[in-house]
């Protein structure tokens, strides 16, 4: 497969994973509509996409290393009280999507990923939702004020992100904003939440019979993709956190709507 296409897909993942625009949708659209990496074997696609997600997971771990380490230590040593509660809230928020993802993996992988029109509609709908929710919500809470119920609601919202187009960051940030959590902390919680989600998905994939073989036979492809998504992801984390201090989600809404309409036009016209 063309290395240039691998780098392009890695760049797409690094940008779209952290901005609320759906990385899964962008990777599918890039291949199926714009034919970037369209020559990739079907048995390689899912594993490669997960590898790109692993690259952006590494970006989160590196960027937030001190915060994540403190969360882990506080959670283990102090339990659900005080500084340790956020660690357990992340666990709570991970459970709904984890259960649904494992139970209905085949449906999401073999049906929703192939419905380009549905992915386009999800891009449009979620773009409008995240903008309106942010616009109408107060910024009355920080991560320190979160409750276990807040974490569960955010976790339930993340189930929608199993359908490409809704966006994991988009759904979780929208739920956080609806609960009154400020924009920057909503983004941070979304970033933190991706660690157990992506790590769990990666481990679940590795136990499948052919995953290790696929990776070992395509080391260059996976290496370049992971490195690219990691580097671009670092820049995008920094950009979004700074951007949200002064701006809203309007630009992301317009982008999602334009992309969704473009895809629908290309499909049906």
Protein backbone atom coordinates (compact mmCIF):
# COMPACT_ATOMS: atom_id res chain seq x y z
CA UNK A 1 0.00 0.00 0.00
CA UNK A 2 1.18 3.55 -0.79
CA UNK A 3 3.05 5.04 2.20
CA UNK A 4 1.74 8.50 1.30
CA UNK A 5 -1.82 7.23 1.80
CA UNK A 6 -0.82 5.73 5.16
CA UNK A 7 0.57 9.09 6.26
CA UNK A 8 -2.58 10.89 5.09
CA UNK A 9 -4.79 8.47 7.05
CA UNK A 10 -2.55 8.97 10.09
CA UNK A 11 -2.92 12.75 9.78
CA UNK A 12 -6.69 12.38 9.46
CA UNK A 13 -6.81 10.25 12.60
CA UNK A 14 -4.58 12.62 14.56
CA UNK A 15 -6.81 15.58 13.73
CA UNK A 16 -10.25 13.98 13.84
CA UNK A 17 -9.77 11.97 17.03
CA UNK A 18 -9.54 15.06 19.22
CA UNK A 19 -11.60 17.59 17.32
CA UNK A 20 -15.31 16.69 17.66
CA UNK A 21 -15.67 15.57 14.04
CA UNK A 22 -15.43 11.73 14.25
CA UNK A 23 -12.16 10.05 13.31
CA UNK A 24 -13.87 6.76 12.41
CA UNK A 25 -16.18 8.53 9.95
CA UNK A 26 -13.27 10.38 8.37
CA UNK A 27 -11.22 7.21 7.90
CA UNK A 28 -14.18 5.41 6.30
CA UNK A 29 -15.04 8.38 4.06
CA UNK A 30 -11.39 8.82 3.06
CA UNK A 31 -11.27 5.21 1.86
CA UNK A 32 -14.75 4.67 0.47
CA UNK A 33 -15.49 8.10 -1.03
CA UNK A 34 -12.11 9.73 -1.73
CA UNK A 35 -10.28 6.42 -2.34
CA UNK A 36 -7.38 7.22 0.00
CA UNK A 37 -6.12 3.80 1.01
CA UNK A 38 -8.91 2.11 -0.90
CA UNK A 39 -6.50 -0.63 -1.93
CA UNK A 40 -6.16 -1.77 1.67
CA UNK A 41 -7.30 -5.38 2.15
CA UNK A 42 -10.64 -5.68 3.94
CA UNK A 43 -9.17 -7.86 6.69
CA UNK A 44 -6.60 -5.12 7.37
CA UNK A 45 -8.91 -2.09 7.63
CA UNK A 46 -10.31 -2.53 11.14
CA UNK A 47 -6.97 -3.51 12.65
CA UNK A 48 -5.21 -0.61 10.95
CA UNK A 49 -7.86 1.88 12.11
CA UNK A 50 -7.46 0.59 15.65
CA UNK A 51 -3.69 1.00 15.32
CA UNK A 52 -4.21 4.64 14.34
CA UNK A 53 -6.40 5.07 17.41
CA UNK A 54 -3.57 3.54 19.44
CA UNK A 55 -1.28 6.27 18.08
CA UNK A 56 -3.62 8.99 19.33
CA UNK A 57 -3.94 7.11 22.64
CA UNK A 58 -0.16 7.41 23.02
CA UNK A 59 -0.49 11.15 22.31
CA UNK A 60 -2.94 11.50 25.21
CA UNK A 61 -0.74 9.49 27.57
CA UNK A 62 2.33 11.57 26.70
CA UNK A 63 0.55 14.94 26.78
CA UNK A 64 -1.32 14.27 30.03
CA UNK A 65 1.24 11.96 31.66
CA UNK A 66 1.42 13.86 34.96
CA UNK A 67 -2.36 14.23 35.21
CA UNK A 68 -3.02 10.57 34.36
CA UNK A 69 -0.36 9.34 36.78
CA UNK A 70 -1.85 11.43 39.61
CA UNK A 71 -5.34 10.13 38.72
CA UNK A 72 -4.15 6.54 38.91
CA UNK A 73 -2.27 6.95 42.18
CA UNK A 74 -5.09 8.93 43.80
CA UNK A 75 -7.71 6.45 42.62
CA UNK A 76 -5.80 3.45 43.99
CA UNK A 77 -4.72 5.03 47.28
CA UNK A 78 -7.68 7.28 48.13
CA UNK A 79 -10.60 5.37 46.66
CA UNK A 80 -13.74 7.26 45.67
CA UNK A 81 -13.12 10.17 48.02
CA UNK A 82 -11.37 13.45 47.31
CA UNK A 83 -8.81 13.46 44.53
CA UNK A 84 -9.32 9.76 43.81
CA UNK A 85 -12.93 10.05 42.67
CA UNK A 86 -12.16 11.20 39.10
CA UNK A 87 -10.27 7.96 38.42
CA UNK A 88 -13.32 5.92 39.39
CA UNK A 89 -15.63 8.22 37.47
CA UNK A 90 -13.62 7.38 34.34
CA UNK A 91 -14.14 3.69 35.08
CA UNK A 92 -17.89 4.26 35.49
CA UNK A 93 -18.07 6.23 32.23
CA UNK A 94 -16.21 3.47 30.36
CA UNK A 95 -18.61 0.66 31.30
CA UNK A 96 -21.68 1.40 29.06
CA UNK A 97 -19.81 1.65 25.74
CA UNK A 98 -17.57 -1.25 26.76
CA UNK A 99 -20.53 -3.57 27.33
CA UNK A 100 -22.43 -2.51 24.21
CA UNK A 101 -19.29 -2.62 22.07
CA UNK A 102 -18.44 -6.19 23.09
CA UNK A 103 -22.01 -7.50 22.81
CA UNK A 104 -22.80 -5.92 19.45
CA UNK A 105 -19.35 -5.69 17.86
CA UNK A 106 -20.38 -7.48 14.66
CA UNK A 107 -23.34 -5.16 14.09
CA UNK A 108 -21.24 -2.01 14.45
CA UNK A 109 -18.36 -3.39 12.37
CA UNK A 110 -20.32 -5.09 9.62
CA UNK A 111 -23.39 -2.86 9.31
CA UNK A 112 -22.90 0.70 10.54
CA UNK A 113 -19.39 1.07 9.10
CA UNK A 114 -20.78 0.23 5.65
CA UNK A 115 -23.72 2.67 5.71
CA UNK A 116 -22.04 5.78 4.33
CA UNK A 117 -25.33 7.67 4.09
CA UNK A 118 -25.98 7.04 7.78
CA UNK A 119 -22.47 8.17 8.67
CA UNK A 120 -23.04 11.39 6.71
CA UNK A 121 -26.34 12.03 8.51
CA UNK A 122 -24.68 11.37 11.88
CA UNK A 123 -22.02 13.96 11.04
CA UNK A 124 -24.69 16.56 10.29
CA UNK A 125 -26.95 15.79 13.26
CA UNK A 126 -24.17 15.62 15.84
CA UNK A 127 -22.61 18.81 14.51
CA UNK A 128 -25.85 20.69 15.17
CA UNK A 129 -26.32 19.01 18.55
CA UNK A 130 -22.87 19.83 19.94
CA UNK A 131 -23.19 23.48 18.91
CA UNK A 132 -26.71 23.98 20.32
CA UNK A 133 -25.96 22.12 23.55
CA UNK A 134 -22.83 24.17 24.13
CA UNK A 135 -24.64 27.40 23.30
CA UNK A 136 -27.49 26.75 25.74
CA UNK A 137 -25.45 25.27 28.60
CA UNK A 138 -23.88 27.11 31.50
CA UNK A 139 -20.29 26.65 32.59
CA UNK A 140 -21.10 26.07 36.24
CA UNK A 141 -18.97 22.98 36.94
CA UNK A 142 -15.39 21.80 36.72
CA UNK A 143 -14.06 18.25 36.94
CA UNK A 144 -13.82 18.68 40.70
CA UNK A 145 -17.61 19.16 40.88
CA UNK A 146 -18.50 16.06 38.85
CA UNK A 147 -20.64 13.32 40.37
CA UNK A 148 -20.86 9.60 39.72
CA UNK A 149 -24.21 10.18 38.00
CA UNK A 150 -22.61 12.76 35.70
CA UNK A 151 -19.94 10.22 34.76
CA UNK A 152 -22.56 7.56 34.04
CA UNK A 153 -24.58 9.92 31.81
CA UNK A 154 -21.43 10.82 29.86
CA UNK A 155 -20.61 7.13 29.57
CA UNK A 156 -24.06 6.31 28.21
CA UNK A 157 -23.74 9.10 25.65
CA UNK A 158 -20.51 7.50 24.46
CA UNK A 159 -22.47 4.47 23.23
CA UNK A 160 -23.68 6.64 20.32
CA UNK A 161 -20.07 7.05 19.24
CA UNK A 162 -19.93 3.37 18.33
CA UNK A 163 -21.77 4.50 15.20
CA UNK A 164 -19.20 6.28 12.98
CA UNK A 165 -20.09 9.92 12.46
CA UNK A 166 -21.37 10.72 15.93
CA UNK A 167 -17.81 11.08 17.31
CA UNK A 168 -16.61 9.88 20.69
CA UNK A 169 -15.28 13.32 21.62
CA UNK A 170 -18.40 14.97 20.20
CA UNK A 171 -20.87 12.88 22.19
CA UNK A 172 -18.94 13.00 25.46
CA UNK A 173 -18.21 16.73 25.24
CA UNK A 174 -21.88 17.42 24.42
CA UNK A 175 -23.04 15.37 27.42
CA UNK A 176 -20.53 17.12 29.67
CA UNK A 177 -21.62 20.55 28.47
CA UNK A 178 -25.30 19.62 28.96
CA UNK A 179 -24.39 18.85 32.58
CA UNK A 180 -22.87 22.31 32.98
CA UNK A 181 -19.20 21.31 32.88
CA UNK A 182 -17.04 24.01 31.31
CA UNK A 183 -15.71 23.56 27.77
CA UNK A 184 -12.05 22.96 28.61
CA UNK A 185 -12.81 20.41 31.37
CA UNK A 186 -15.37 18.72 29.10
CA UNK A 187 -12.62 18.24 26.52
CA UNK A 188 -10.15 17.01 29.16
CA UNK A 189 -12.59 14.43 30.50
CA UNK A 190 -13.24 13.27 26.95
CA UNK A 191 -9.49 12.89 26.37
CA UNK A 192 -9.00 11.02 29.66
CA UNK A 193 -11.97 8.77 28.87
CA UNK A 194 -10.44 7.67 25.58
CA UNK A 195 -7.54 6.01 27.44
CA UNK A 196 -9.47 3.05 28.91
CA UNK A 197 -11.79 2.88 25.88
CA UNK A 198 -9.07 2.66 23.24
CA UNK A 199 -6.77 0.54 25.42
CA UNK A 200 -9.61 -1.90 26.04
CA UNK A 201 -10.50 -2.06 22.34
CA UNK A 202 -6.84 -2.68 21.47
CA UNK A 203 -6.51 -5.51 23.98
CA UNK A 204 -9.81 -7.03 22.83
CA UNK A 205 -8.57 -6.94 19.24
CA UNK A 206 -5.23 -8.54 20.12
CA UNK A 207 -6.89 -11.66 21.50
CA UNK A 208 -8.46 -12.38 18.11
CA UNK A 209 -6.80 -15.17 16.16
CA UNK A 210 -5.44 -13.22 13.21
CA UNK A 211 -4.61 -9.79 14.70
CA UNK A 212 -1.00 -10.52 15.62
CA UNK A 213 -0.42 -12.08 12.20
CA UNK A 214 -1.88 -9.06 10.39
CA UNK A 215 0.34 -6.70 12.38
CA UNK A 216 3.51 -8.77 11.95
CA UNK A 217 3.00 -8.97 8.20
CA UNK A 218 2.47 -5.20 7.87
CA UNK A 219 4.91 -3.71 10.38
CA UNK A 220 5.91 -0.77 8.16
CA UNK A 221 2.29 0.23 7.51
CA UNK A 222 1.36 0.05 11.17
CA UNK A 223 4.53 1.78 12.33
CA UNK A 224 4.15 4.74 9.97
CA UNK A 225 0.43 5.08 10.74
CA UNK A 226 0.88 4.99 14.51
CA UNK A 227 3.79 7.45 14.46
CA UNK A 228 1.90 9.90 12.22
CA UNK A 229 -1.32 9.86 14.27
CA UNK A 230 0.74 10.21 17.47
CA UNK A 231 2.62 13.32 16.31
CA UNK A 232 -0.42 15.04 14.79
CA UNK A 233 -2.49 14.09 17.83
CA UNK A 234 -0.11 15.90 20.18
CA UNK A 235 -0.54 19.14 18.24
CA UNK A 236 -4.34 18.77 18.07
CA UNK A 237 -4.75 18.20 21.80
CA UNK A 238 -2.86 21.43 22.49
CA UNK A 239 -4.80 23.30 19.81
CA UNK A 240 -8.27 22.28 21.01
CA UNK A 241 -7.61 23.08 24.68
CA UNK A 242 -6.39 26.56 23.73
CA UNK A 243 -9.15 27.08 21.17
CA UNK A 244 -11.97 26.27 23.58
CA UNK A 245 -10.84 28.90 26.06
CA UNK A 246 -12.08 31.62 23.71
CA UNK A 247 -14.30 29.94 21.10
CA UNK A 248 -17.38 27.76 20.78
CA UNK A 249 -18.15 24.77 18.52
CA UNK A 250 -19.64 26.70 15.59
CA UNK A 251 -16.77 26.01 13.21
CA UNK A 252 -17.03 22.27 13.89
CA UNK A 253 -20.78 22.34 13.27
CA UNK A 254 -20.34 24.02 9.89
CA UNK A 255 -17.54 21.67 8.91
CA UNK A 256 -19.57 18.57 9.82
CA UNK A 257 -22.62 19.82 7.94
CA UNK A 258 -20.61 20.66 4.80
CA UNK A 259 -18.80 17.31 4.87
CA UNK A 260 -22.03 15.37 5.48
CA UNK A 261 -23.86 17.09 2.63
CA UNK A 262 -20.87 16.64 0.32
CA UNK A 263 -20.77 12.91 1.02
CA UNK A 264 -24.53 12.55 0.47
CA UNK A 265 -24.29 14.41 -2.84
CA UNK A 266 -21.41 12.22 -3.98
CA UNK A 267 -23.37 9.11 -3.06
CA UNK A 268 -26.67 9.96 -4.67
CA UNK A 269 -25.76 12.38 -7.49
